[in-house]
Structure formats: C-alpha cells, structure tokens
Amino acid sequence: MKKSILITFLAISIAFTFSACSNSTTTTPAVNSNSGEKVTYTCSMHPEVQADKQGDCPKCGMALVKMESADTTHNNSDTMQMH
C-alpha cells in the first residue's frame, strides 16, 4: 500500500515538473503601438542575435529582450552635474 502511494506521488511530481518546463512562448507584434516604430529583440549575452519578435536565443536559450532605440539609451542621470 505504501509503495503504490509513493509511486503515485512520484509520478504526479514528475508530471508537474515536466509541465512546468514546457517551452511555450507568446508572440507579440513587431510594431510598437505607441510610436509605430519597428521593435527589435536581442540576446543580452549575444548582441549580434536580433529578431523582430520575442523568443529564445538560438545560441544560449536565454529570452530575447527588447532593444531600446538610440535616443532612449542615454539617461540624463549619468551625466548629472552638481552646481
């Protein structure tokens, strides 16, 4: 009796583990709805990897992150001067 309960518990645990590891991704449109600009996604470890939709890096499997445009990458807080 204890053995069958243990086997059932292990089977359910393994099933939950594999279902949590499923590799499903949702796609988002490649156009930013606010400004109409094309959005590009890149890997933080491999900046040469670029895509027009979210997904995973083909080299390392990390999630691709949205690239910021050149005019928004500079934050004024870095150049703030004391008067």
PDB file of N, CA and C in Angstrom:
ATOM      1  N   MET A   1       0.823  -1.189   0.000  1.00  0.00           N
ATOM      2  CA  MET A   1       0.000   0.000   0.000  1.00  0.00           C
ATOM      3  C   MET A   1       0.867   1.252   0.000  1.00  0.00           C
ATOM      4  N   LYS A   2       1.858   1.308   0.893  1.00  0.00           N
ATOM      5  CA  LYS A   2       2.745   2.463   0.949  1.00  0.00           C
ATOM      6  C   LYS A   2       3.537   2.614  -0.345  1.00  0.00           C
ATOM      7  N   LYS A   3       3.904   1.496  -0.932  1.00  0.00           N
ATOM      8  CA  LYS A   3       4.683   1.521  -2.152  1.00  0.00           C
ATOM      9  C   LYS A   3       3.872   2.112  -3.306  1.00  0.00           C
ATOM     10  N   SER A   4       2.597   1.777  -3.418  1.00  0.00           N
ATOM     11  CA  SER A   4       1.771   2.310  -4.504  1.00  0.00           C
ATOM     12  C   SER A   4       1.500   3.811  -4.303  1.00  0.00           C
ATOM     13  N   ILE A   5       1.358   4.243  -3.049  1.00  0.00           N
ATOM     14  CA  ILE A   5       1.161   5.672  -2.781  1.00  0.00           C
ATOM     15  C   ILE A   5       2.422   6.448  -3.148  1.00  0.00           C
ATOM     16  N   LEU A   6       3.568   5.889  -2.808  1.00  0.00           N
ATOM     17  CA  LEU A   6       4.843   6.520  -3.135  1.00  0.00           C
ATOM     18  C   LEU A   6       5.032   6.623  -4.648  1.00  0.00           C
ATOM     19  N   ILE A   7       4.723   5.566  -5.371  1.00  0.00           N
ATOM     20  CA  ILE A   7       4.861   5.569  -6.832  1.00  0.00           C
ATOM     21  C   ILE A   7       3.905   6.577  -7.453  1.00  0.00           C
ATOM     22  N   THR A   8       2.685   6.645  -6.954  1.00  0.00           N
ATOM     23  CA  THR A   8       1.713   7.620  -7.465  1.00  0.00           C
ATOM     24  C   THR A   8       2.195   9.039  -7.202  1.00  0.00           C
ATOM     25  N   PHE A   9       2.689   9.310  -6.010  1.00  0.00           N
ATOM     26  CA  PHE A   9       3.199  10.630  -5.665  1.00  0.00           C
ATOM     27  C   PHE A   9       4.374  11.018  -6.560  1.00  0.00           C
ATOM     28  N   LEU A  10       5.299  10.093  -6.788  1.00  0.00           N
ATOM     29  CA  LEU A  10       6.441  10.370  -7.657  1.00  0.00           C
ATOM     30  C   LEU A  10       6.001  10.625  -9.096  1.00  0.00           C
ATOM     31  N   ALA A  11       5.041   9.879  -9.589  1.00  0.00           N
ATOM     32  CA  ALA A  11       4.550  10.063 -10.956  1.00  0.00           C
ATOM     33  C   ALA A  11       3.903  11.438 -11.116  1.00  0.00           C
ATOM     34  N   ILE A  12       3.124  11.853 -10.131  1.00  0.00           N
ATOM     35  CA  ILE A  12       2.483  13.175 -10.191  1.00  0.00           C
ATOM     36  C   ILE A  12       3.538  14.272 -10.108  1.00  0.00           C
ATOM     37  N   SER A  13       4.550  14.093  -9.266  1.00  0.00           N
ATOM     38  CA  SER A  13       5.622  15.082  -9.142  1.00  0.00           C
ATOM     39  C   SER A  13       6.384  15.243 -10.452  1.00  0.00           C
ATOM     40  N   ILE A  14       6.683  14.137 -11.086  1.00  0.00           N
ATOM     41  CA  ILE A  14       7.401  14.177 -12.360  1.00  0.00           C
ATOM     42  C   ILE A  14       6.541  14.839 -13.431  1.00  0.00           C
ATOM     43  N   ALA A  15       5.252  14.540 -13.450  1.00  0.00           N
ATOM     44  CA  ALA A  15       4.355  15.152 -14.431  1.00  0.00           C
ATOM     45  C   ALA A  15       4.308  16.670 -14.259  1.00  0.00           C
ATOM     46  N   PHE A  16       4.213  17.144 -13.012  1.00  0.00           N
ATOM     47  CA  PHE A  16       4.211  18.588 -12.762  1.00  0.00           C
ATOM     48  C   PHE A  16       5.537  19.225 -13.149  1.00  0.00           C
ATOM     49  N   THR A  17       6.638  18.530 -12.907  1.00  0.00           N
ATOM     50  CA  THR A  17       7.947  19.061 -13.257  1.00  0.00           C
ATOM     51  C   THR A  17       8.069  19.254 -14.756  1.00  0.00           C
ATOM     52  N   PHE A  18       7.662  18.276 -15.537  1.00  0.00           N
ATOM     53  CA  PHE A  18       7.773  18.393 -16.981  1.00  0.00           C
ATOM     54  C   PHE A  18       6.790  19.406 -17.548  1.00  0.00           C
ATOM     55  N   SER A  19       5.618  19.532 -16.955  1.00  0.00           N
ATOM     56  CA  SER A  19       4.666  20.521 -17.465  1.00  0.00           C
ATOM     57  C   SER A  19       5.133  21.929 -17.161  1.00  0.00           C
ATOM     58  N   ALA A  20       5.856  22.127 -16.064  1.00  0.00           N
ATOM     59  CA  ALA A  20       6.386  23.453 -15.732  1.00  0.00           C
ATOM     60  C   ALA A  20       7.538  23.832 -16.639  1.00  0.00           C
ATOM     61  N   CYS A  21       8.194  22.866 -17.226  1.00  0.00           N
ATOM     62  CA  CYS A  21       9.350  23.130 -18.084  1.00  0.00           C
ATOM     63  C   CYS A  21       8.982  23.244 -19.557  1.00  0.00           C
ATOM     64  N   SER A  22       7.709  23.309 -19.870  1.00  0.00           N
ATOM     65  CA  SER A  22       7.336  23.398 -21.276  1.00  0.00           C
ATOM     66  C   SER A  22       7.858  24.690 -21.871  1.00  0.00           C
ATOM     67  N   ASN A  23       8.259  24.648 -23.111  1.00  0.00           N
ATOM     68  CA  ASN A  23       8.907  25.783 -23.764  1.00  0.00           C
ATOM     69  C   ASN A  23       7.906  26.526 -24.629  1.00  0.00           C
ATOM     70  N   SER A  24       6.860  27.070 -24.025  1.00  0.00           N
ATOM     71  CA  SER A  24       5.881  27.815 -24.803  1.00  0.00           C
ATOM     72  C   SER A  24       6.182  29.298 -24.700  1.00  0.00           C
ATOM     73  N   THR A  25       6.111  29.980 -25.829  1.00  0.00           N
ATOM     74  CA  THR A  25       6.333  31.422 -25.849  1.00  0.00           C
ATOM     75  C   THR A  25       5.152  32.087 -26.531  1.00  0.00           C
ATOM     76  N   THR A  26       4.851  33.265 -26.087  1.00  0.00           N
ATOM     77  CA  THR A  26       3.803  34.028 -26.739  1.00  0.00           C
ATOM     78  C   THR A  26       4.459  35.030 -27.662  1.00  0.00           C
ATOM     79  N   THR A  27       3.832  35.246 -28.782  1.00  0.00           N
ATOM     80  CA  THR A  27       4.392  36.197 -29.731  1.00  0.00           C
ATOM     81  C   THR A  27       3.705  37.538 -29.576  1.00  0.00           C
ATOM     82  N   THR A  28       4.478  38.562 -29.784  1.00  0.00           N
ATOM     83  CA  THR A  28       3.941  39.910 -29.742  1.00  0.00           C
ATOM     84  C   THR A  28       4.194  40.569 -31.081  1.00  0.00           C
ATOM     85  N   PRO A  29       3.399  41.545 -31.427  1.00  0.00           N
ATOM     86  CA  PRO A  29       3.613  42.203 -32.712  1.00  0.00           C
ATOM     87  C   PRO A  29       4.957  42.905 -32.757  1.00  0.00           C
ATOM     88  N   ALA A  30       5.525  42.991 -33.946  1.00  0.00           N
ATOM     89  CA  ALA A  30       6.845  43.588 -34.115  1.00  0.00           C
ATOM     90  C   ALA A  30       6.784  45.107 -34.187  1.00  0.00           C
ATOM     91  N   VAL A  31       5.611  45.675 -34.122  1.00  0.00           N
ATOM     92  CA  VAL A  31       5.477  47.116 -34.200  1.00  0.00           C
ATOM     93  C   VAL A  31       4.993  47.645 -32.868  1.00  0.00           C
ATOM     94  N   ASN A  32       5.676  48.665 -32.380  1.00  0.00           N
ATOM     95  CA  ASN A  32       5.282  49.296 -31.132  1.00  0.00           C
ATOM     96  C   ASN A  32       4.032  50.125 -31.404  1.00  0.00           C
ATOM     97  N   SER A  33       2.952  49.865 -30.676  1.00  0.00           N
ATOM     98  CA  SER A  33       1.683  50.533 -30.947  1.00  0.00           C
ATOM     99  C   SER A  33       1.715  52.011 -30.600  1.00  0.00           C
ATOM    100  N   ASN A  34       2.628  52.432 -29.724  1.00  0.00           N
ATOM    101  CA  ASN A  34       2.676  53.830 -29.328  1.00  0.00           C
ATOM    102  C   ASN A  34       3.283  54.730 -30.396  1.00  0.00           C
ATOM    103  N   SER A  35       4.370  54.322 -30.997  1.00  0.00           N
ATOM    104  CA  SER A  35       5.069  55.206 -31.916  1.00  0.00           C
ATOM    105  C   SER A  35       5.105  54.694 -33.350  1.00  0.00           C
ATOM    106  N   GLY A  36       4.692  53.469 -33.589  1.00  0.00           N
ATOM    107  CA  GLY A  36       4.708  52.922 -34.941  1.00  0.00           C
ATOM    108  C   GLY A  36       6.088  52.462 -35.376  1.00  0.00           C
ATOM    109  N   GLU A  37       7.076  52.489 -34.481  1.00  0.00           N
ATOM    110  CA  GLU A  37       8.420  52.052 -34.835  1.00  0.00           C
ATOM    111  C   GLU A  37       8.530  50.539 -34.769  1.00  0.00           C
ATOM    112  N   LYS A  38       9.419  49.994 -35.551  1.00  0.00           N
ATOM    113  CA  LYS A  38       9.670  48.559 -35.524  1.00  0.00           C
ATOM    114  C   LYS A  38      10.462  48.215 -34.270  1.00  0.00           C
ATOM    115  N   VAL A  39      10.061  47.157 -33.583  1.00  0.00           N
ATOM    116  CA  VAL A  39      10.718  46.734 -32.355  1.00  0.00           C
ATOM    117  C   VAL A  39      11.671  45.596 -32.692  1.00  0.00           C
ATOM    118  N   THR A  40      12.874  45.660 -32.127  1.00  0.00           N
ATOM    119  CA  THR A  40      13.862  44.617 -32.337  1.00  0.00           C
ATOM    120  C   THR A  40      14.216  44.000 -30.997  1.00  0.00           C
ATOM    121  N   TYR A  41      14.324  42.683 -30.970  1.00  0.00           N
ATOM    122  CA  TYR A  41      14.669  41.950 -29.758  1.00  0.00           C
ATOM    123  C   TYR A  41      16.063  41.361 -29.939  1.00  0.00           C
ATOM    124  N   THR A  42      16.838  41.328 -28.849  1.00  0.00           N
ATOM    125  CA  THR A  42      18.198  40.815 -28.908  1.00  0.00           C
ATOM    126  C   THR A  42      18.514  40.023 -27.646  1.00  0.00           C
ATOM    127  N   CYS A  43      19.566  39.245 -27.707  1.00  0.00           N
ATOM    128  CA  CYS A  43      20.032  38.479 -26.552  1.00  0.00           C
ATOM    129  C   CYS A  43      20.999  39.348 -25.763  1.00  0.00           C
ATOM    130  N   SER A  44      20.852  39.358 -24.450  1.00  0.00           N
ATOM    131  CA  SER A  44      21.751  40.172 -23.638  1.00  0.00           C
ATOM    132  C   SER A  44      23.167  39.597 -23.604  1.00  0.00           C
ATOM    133  N   MET A  45      23.321  38.324 -23.872  1.00  0.00           N
ATOM    134  CA  MET A  45      24.651  37.711 -23.913  1.00  0.00           C
ATOM    135  C   MET A  45      25.248  37.717 -25.324  1.00  0.00           C
ATOM    136  N   HIS A  46      24.391  37.729 -26.335  1.00  0.00           N
ATOM    137  CA  HIS A  46      24.836  37.687 -27.725  1.00  0.00           C
ATOM    138  C   HIS A  46      24.155  38.813 -28.500  1.00  0.00           C
ATOM    139  N   PRO A  47      24.677  40.047 -28.419  1.00  0.00           N
ATOM    140  CA  PRO A  47      24.014  41.188 -29.061  1.00  0.00           C
ATOM    141  C   PRO A  47      23.918  41.078 -30.584  1.00  0.00           C
ATOM    142  N   GLU A  48      24.694  40.188 -31.172  1.00  0.00           N
ATOM    143  CA  GLU A  48      24.602  40.015 -32.622  1.00  0.00           C
ATOM    144  C   GLU A  48      23.335  39.275 -33.032  1.00  0.00           C
ATOM    145  N   VAL A  49      22.702  38.575 -32.084  1.00  0.00           N
ATOM    146  CA  VAL A  49      21.438  37.881 -32.343  1.00  0.00           C
ATOM    147  C   VAL A  49      20.313  38.896 -32.233  1.00  0.00           C
ATOM    148  N   GLN A  50      19.592  39.109 -33.333  1.00  0.00           N
ATOM    149  CA  GLN A  50      18.486  40.051 -33.349  1.00  0.00           C
ATOM    150  C   GLN A  50      17.294  39.417 -34.038  1.00  0.00           C
ATOM    151  N   ALA A  51      16.092  39.748 -33.534  1.00  0.00           N
ATOM    152  CA  ALA A  51      14.861  39.206 -34.104  1.00  0.00           C
ATOM    153  C   ALA A  51      13.781  40.273 -34.038  1.00  0.00           C
ATOM    154  N   ASP A  52      12.746  40.109 -34.856  1.00  0.00           N
ATOM    155  CA  ASP A  52      11.652  41.075 -34.856  1.00  0.00           C
ATOM    156  C   ASP A  52      10.511  40.665 -33.937  1.00  0.00           C
ATOM    157  N   LYS A  53      10.672  39.534 -33.220  1.00  0.00           N
ATOM    158  CA  LYS A  53       9.658  39.102 -32.257  1.00  0.00           C
ATOM    159  C   LYS A  53      10.347  38.439 -31.075  1.00  0.00           C
ATOM    160  N   GLN A  54       9.623  38.353 -29.964  1.00  0.00           N
ATOM    161  CA  GLN A  54      10.187  37.726 -28.778  1.00  0.00           C
ATOM    162  C   GLN A  54      10.407  36.249 -29.015  1.00  0.00           C
ATOM    163  N   GLY A  55      11.344  35.699 -28.279  1.00  0.00           N
ATOM    164  CA  GLY A  55      11.637  34.281 -28.385  1.00  0.00           C
ATOM    165  C   GLY A  55      12.868  33.970 -27.562  1.00  0.00           C
ATOM    166  N   ASP A  56      13.566  32.909 -27.914  1.00  0.00           N
ATOM    167  CA  ASP A  56      14.764  32.500 -27.201  1.00  0.00           C
ATOM    168  C   ASP A  56      15.970  32.615 -28.117  1.00  0.00           C
ATOM    169  N   CYS A  57      17.116  32.905 -27.518  1.00  0.00           N
ATOM    170  CA  CYS A  57      18.367  32.994 -28.267  1.00  0.00           C
ATOM    171  C   CYS A  57      18.728  31.607 -28.781  1.00  0.00           C
ATOM    172  N   PRO A  58      19.047  31.487 -30.070  1.00  0.00           N
ATOM    173  CA  PRO A  58      19.413  30.168 -30.606  1.00  0.00           C
ATOM    174  C   PRO A  58      20.770  29.682 -30.100  1.00  0.00           C
ATOM    175  N   LYS A  59      21.599  30.577 -29.572  1.00  0.00           N
ATOM    176  CA  LYS A  59      22.923  30.180 -29.092  1.00  0.00           C
ATOM    177  C   LYS A  59      22.891  29.685 -27.648  1.00  0.00           C
ATOM    178  N   CYS A  60      22.166  30.424 -26.768  1.00  0.00           N
ATOM    179  CA  CYS A  60      22.223  30.066 -25.350  1.00  0.00           C
ATOM    180  C   CYS A  60      20.854  29.749 -24.742  1.00  0.00           C
ATOM    181  N   GLY A  61      19.770  30.056 -25.450  1.00  0.00           N
ATOM    182  CA  GLY A  61      18.440  29.738 -24.949  1.00  0.00           C
ATOM    183  C   GLY A  61      17.831  30.790 -24.042  1.00  0.00           C
ATOM    184  N   MET A  62      18.561  31.897 -23.784  1.00  0.00           N
ATOM    185  CA  MET A  62      18.002  32.957 -22.943  1.00  0.00           C
ATOM    186  C   MET A  62      16.899  33.689 -23.698  1.00  0.00           C
ATOM    187  N   ALA A  63      15.991  34.289 -22.959  1.00  0.00           N
ATOM    188  CA  ALA A  63      14.901  35.047 -23.577  1.00  0.00           C
ATOM    189  C   ALA A  63      15.455  36.307 -24.225  1.00  0.00           C
ATOM    190  N   LEU A  64      14.963  36.604 -25.422  1.00  0.00           N
ATOM    191  CA  LEU A  64      15.365  37.830 -26.102  1.00  0.00           C
ATOM    192  C   LEU A  64      14.677  39.006 -25.433  1.00  0.00           C
ATOM    193  N   VAL A  65      15.399  40.122 -25.320  1.00  0.00           N
ATOM    194  CA  VAL A  65      14.865  41.323 -24.687  1.00  0.00           C
ATOM    195  C   VAL A  65      14.743  42.425 -25.724  1.00  0.00           C
ATOM    196  N   LYS A  66      13.817  43.336 -25.455  1.00  0.00           N
ATOM    197  CA  LYS A  66      13.545  44.432 -26.374  1.00  0.00           C
ATOM    198  C   LYS A  66      14.720  45.408 -26.386  1.00  0.00           C
ATOM    199  N   MET A  67      15.187  45.751 -27.591  1.00  0.00           N
ATOM    200  CA  MET A  67      16.244  46.746 -27.732  1.00  0.00           C
ATOM    201  C   MET A  67      15.634  48.126 -27.631  1.00  0.00           C
ATOM    202  N   GLU A  68      16.316  49.023 -26.953  1.00  0.00           N
ATOM    203  CA  GLU A  68      15.850  50.396 -26.896  1.00  0.00           C
ATOM    204  C   GLU A  68      16.455  51.160 -28.060  1.00  0.00           C
ATOM    205  N   SER A  69      15.716  52.144 -28.545  1.00  0.00           N
ATOM    206  CA  SER A  69      16.231  52.935 -29.655  1.00  0.00           C
ATOM    207  C   SER A  69      17.391  53.791 -29.171  1.00  0.00           C
ATOM    208  N   ALA A  70      18.184  54.293 -30.084  1.00  0.00           N
ATOM    209  CA  ALA A  70      19.404  55.021 -29.741  1.00  0.00           C
ATOM    210  C   ALA A  70      19.130  56.270 -28.920  1.00  0.00           C
ATOM    211  N   ASP A  71      17.991  56.941 -29.119  1.00  0.00           N
ATOM    212  CA  ASP A  71      17.730  58.173 -28.395  1.00  0.00           C
ATOM    213  C   ASP A  71      17.253  57.944 -26.967  1.00  0.00           C
ATOM    214  N   THR A  72      16.871  56.719 -26.602  1.00  0.00           N
ATOM    215  CA  THR A  72      16.404  56.465 -25.243  1.00  0.00           C
ATOM    216  C   THR A  72      17.421  55.706 -24.409  1.00  0.00           C
ATOM    217  N   THR A  73      18.565  55.363 -24.979  1.00  0.00           N
ATOM    218  CA  THR A  73      19.547  54.595 -24.227  1.00  0.00           C
ATOM    219  C   THR A  73      20.379  55.470 -23.303  1.00  0.00           C
ATOM    220  N   HIS A  74      20.461  56.753 -23.556  1.00  0.00           N
ATOM    221  CA  HIS A  74      21.246  57.641 -22.708  1.00  0.00           C
ATOM    222  C   HIS A  74      20.345  58.250 -21.653  1.00  0.00           C
ATOM    223  N   ASN A  75      20.690  57.996 -20.413  1.00  0.00           N
ATOM    224  CA  ASN A  75      19.899  58.504 -19.304  1.00  0.00           C
ATOM    225  C   ASN A  75      20.606  59.729 -18.745  1.00  0.00           C
ATOM    226  N   ASN A  76      19.882  60.797 -18.528  1.00  0.00           N
ATOM    227  CA  ASN A  76      20.487  62.038 -18.055  1.00  0.00           C
ATOM    228  C   ASN A  76      21.024  61.916 -16.638  1.00  0.00           C
ATOM    229  N   SER A  77      20.611  60.940 -15.875  1.00  0.00           N
ATOM    230  CA  SER A  77      21.095  60.800 -14.508  1.00  0.00           C
ATOM    231  C   SER A  77      22.575  60.464 -14.462  1.00  0.00           C
ATOM    232  N   ASP A  78      23.116  59.864 -15.535  1.00  0.00           N
ATOM    233  CA  ASP A  78      24.542  59.542 -15.574  1.00  0.00           C
ATOM    234  C   ASP A  78      25.386  60.788 -15.753  1.00  0.00           C
ATOM    235  N   THR A  79      24.856  61.801 -16.376  1.00  0.00           N
ATOM    236  CA  THR A  79      25.627  62.992 -16.681  1.00  0.00           C
ATOM    237  C   THR A  79      25.242  64.168 -15.811  1.00  0.00           C
ATOM    238  N   MET A  80      24.506  63.921 -14.750  1.00  0.00           N
ATOM    239  CA  MET A  80      24.057  64.995 -13.898  1.00  0.00           C
ATOM    240  C   MET A  80      25.265  65.631 -13.175  1.00  0.00           C
ATOM    241  N   GLN A  81      25.274  66.944 -13.187  1.00  0.00           N
ATOM    242  CA  GLN A  81      26.388  67.662 -12.555  1.00  0.00           C
ATOM    243  C   GLN A  81      25.887  68.395 -11.330  1.00  0.00           C
ATOM    244  N   MET A  82      26.736  68.504 -10.343  1.00  0.00           N
ATOM    245  CA  MET A  82      26.385  69.255  -9.142  1.00  0.00           C
ATOM    246  C   MET A  82      26.755  70.717  -9.354  1.00  0.00           C
ATOM    247  N   HIS A  83      25.891  71.590  -8.930  1.00  0.00           N
ATOM    248  CA  HIS A  83      26.154  73.031  -9.084  1.00  0.00           C
ATOM    249  C   HIS A  83      26.486  73.650  -7.769  1.00  0.00           C
TER     250      HIS A  83
END
